[in-house]
Every structure is written in C-alpha cells, then in structure tokens.
C-alpha cells in the first residue's frame, strides 16, 4: 500500500492555483461589501435618536430604566 501523497501534474496544480486565486478574489470582494455594510450600520447607529438619547443619559450619569436593581 502506498501511503505517500501523490504530487499532481503541473496542469492540475495550475488549475488548482487559479481556482484558489479566484476564491480569494471573491472573498476580498465579499469582505469589501461587508465592510461597507458595517460602516453604513455604524453610521445609522450614530445618527439614531435613540443613541443620542442614551448618550445624553450616560453623560448625565442617569442609570438606564432597564437596569433597576431589586433589593
């Protein structure tokens, strides 16, 4: 039994490399799309009236209503 891995011929290696490079390009494109989506979501959060309200409350040192402690 031959347990040694077989080295593919040059043409098979070339095709595999091309496929891997294409997958890398696709992942790069997807990462760019996700980065843009994250930036848009963060901008929406920053511009949210609810976020502005929470920031004002935090600056005043007022605890949020949901954090009441029962004794």
C-alpha atoms as a PDB file:
ATOM      1  CA  UNK A   1       0.000   0.000   0.000  1.00  0.00           C
ATOM      2  CA  UNK A   2       1.356   3.409  -0.967  1.00  0.00           C
ATOM      3  CA  UNK A   3       0.761   5.985   1.807  1.00  0.00           C
ATOM      4  CA  UNK A   4       2.804   8.701   0.137  1.00  0.00           C
ATOM      5  CA  UNK A   5       0.740  11.628  -1.165  1.00  0.00           C
ATOM      6  CA  UNK A   6       0.798  11.926  -4.938  1.00  0.00           C
ATOM      7  CA  UNK A   7       2.065  15.232  -6.361  1.00  0.00           C
ATOM      8  CA  UNK A   8      -0.327  16.361  -9.086  1.00  0.00           C
ATOM      9  CA  UNK A   9       0.906  17.111 -12.577  1.00  0.00           C
ATOM     10  CA  UNK A  10       1.727  20.765 -13.446  1.00  0.00           C
ATOM     11  CA  UNK A  11      -1.563  21.359 -15.303  1.00  0.00           C
ATOM     12  CA  UNK A  12      -3.650  20.160 -12.360  1.00  0.00           C
ATOM     13  CA  UNK A  13      -1.614  22.349  -9.995  1.00  0.00           C
ATOM     14  CA  UNK A  14      -2.059  25.358 -12.299  1.00  0.00           C
ATOM     15  CA  UNK A  15      -5.857  24.891 -12.404  1.00  0.00           C
ATOM     16  CA  UNK A  16      -5.986  24.462  -8.629  1.00  0.00           C
ATOM     17  CA  UNK A  17      -3.973  27.640  -8.122  1.00  0.00           C
ATOM     18  CA  UNK A  18      -6.249  29.561 -10.491  1.00  0.00           C
ATOM     19  CA  UNK A  19      -9.346  28.334  -8.617  1.00  0.00           C
ATOM     20  CA  UNK A  20      -7.817  29.282  -5.260  1.00  0.00           C
ATOM     21  CA  UNK A  21      -6.896  32.739  -6.573  1.00  0.00           C
ATOM     22  CA  UNK A  22     -10.463  33.231  -7.815  1.00  0.00           C
ATOM     23  CA  UNK A  23     -11.856  32.178  -4.443  1.00  0.00           C
ATOM     24  CA  UNK A  24      -9.508  34.678  -2.755  1.00  0.00           C
ATOM     25  CA  UNK A  25     -10.738  37.440  -5.103  1.00  0.00           C
ATOM     26  CA  UNK A  26     -14.335  36.539  -4.280  1.00  0.00           C
ATOM     27  CA  UNK A  27     -13.604  36.632  -0.551  1.00  0.00           C
ATOM     28  CA  UNK A  28     -11.907  40.016  -0.963  1.00  0.00           C
ATOM     29  CA  UNK A  29     -14.970  41.356  -2.794  1.00  0.00           C
ATOM     30  CA  UNK A  30     -17.274  39.948  -0.116  1.00  0.00           C
ATOM     31  CA  UNK A  31     -15.150  41.488   2.643  1.00  0.00           C
ATOM     32  CA  UNK A  32     -15.403  44.871   0.916  1.00  0.00           C
ATOM     33  CA  UNK A  33     -19.189  44.557   0.733  1.00  0.00           C
ATOM     34  CA  UNK A  34     -19.359  43.560   4.403  1.00  0.00           C
ATOM     35  CA  UNK A  35     -17.063  46.448   5.419  1.00  0.00           C
ATOM     36  CA  UNK A  36     -19.340  48.881   3.594  1.00  0.00           C
ATOM     37  CA  UNK A  37     -22.439  47.375   5.220  1.00  0.00           C
ATOM     38  CA  UNK A  38     -20.836  47.628   8.654  1.00  0.00           C
ATOM     39  CA  UNK A  39     -19.886  51.269   8.031  1.00  0.00           C
ATOM     40  CA  UNK A  40     -23.458  52.065   6.986  1.00  0.00           C
ATOM     41  CA  UNK A  41     -24.891  50.301  10.042  1.00  0.00           C
ATOM     42  CA  UNK A  42     -22.494  52.143  12.351  1.00  0.00           C
ATOM     43  CA  UNK A  43     -23.449  55.469  10.744  1.00  0.00           C
ATOM     44  CA  UNK A  44     -27.133  54.655  11.252  1.00  0.00           C
ATOM     45  CA  UNK A  45     -26.471  53.833  14.899  1.00  0.00           C
ATOM     46  CA  UNK A  46     -24.501  57.053  15.421  1.00  0.00           C
ATOM     47  CA  UNK A  47     -27.311  59.092  13.846  1.00  0.00           C
ATOM     48  CA  UNK A  48     -30.092  57.289  15.711  1.00  0.00           C
ATOM     49  CA  UNK A  49     -32.237  59.431  18.012  1.00  0.00           C
ATOM     50  CA  UNK A  50     -32.278  56.560  20.486  1.00  0.00           C
ATOM     51  CA  UNK A  51     -28.482  56.511  20.553  1.00  0.00           C
ATOM     52  CA  UNK A  52     -28.403  60.306  21.109  1.00  0.00           C
ATOM     53  CA  UNK A  53     -30.873  59.873  23.979  1.00  0.00           C
ATOM     54  CA  UNK A  54     -28.770  57.144  25.581  1.00  0.00           C
ATOM     55  CA  UNK A  55     -25.589  59.208  25.230  1.00  0.00           C
ATOM     56  CA  UNK A  56     -27.259  62.198  26.910  1.00  0.00           C
ATOM     57  CA  UNK A  57     -28.431  59.954  29.762  1.00  0.00           C
ATOM     58  CA  UNK A  58     -24.957  58.454  30.121  1.00  0.00           C
ATOM     59  CA  UNK A  59     -23.360  61.911  30.273  1.00  0.00           C
ATOM     60  CA  UNK A  60     -25.807  62.914  32.986  1.00  0.00           C
ATOM     61  CA  UNK A  61     -24.955  59.784  34.965  1.00  0.00           C
ATOM     62  CA  UNK A  62     -28.515  58.506  34.960  1.00  0.00           C
ATOM     63  CA  UNK A  63     -28.900  54.726  35.001  1.00  0.00           C
ATOM     64  CA  UNK A  64     -30.987  53.272  32.171  1.00  0.00           C
ATOM     65  CA  UNK A  65     -34.530  52.297  33.098  1.00  0.00           C
ATOM     66  CA  UNK A  66     -33.884  48.599  32.396  1.00  0.00           C
ATOM     67  CA  UNK A  67     -31.075  48.377  34.955  1.00  0.00           C
ATOM     68  CA  UNK A  68     -33.160  48.784  38.111  1.00  0.00           C
ATOM     69  CA  UNK A  69     -31.818  46.695  40.964  1.00  0.00           C
ATOM     70  CA  UNK A  70     -34.271  44.850  43.230  1.00  0.00           C
ATOM     71  CA  UNK A  71     -33.214  44.749  46.867  1.00  0.00           C
END
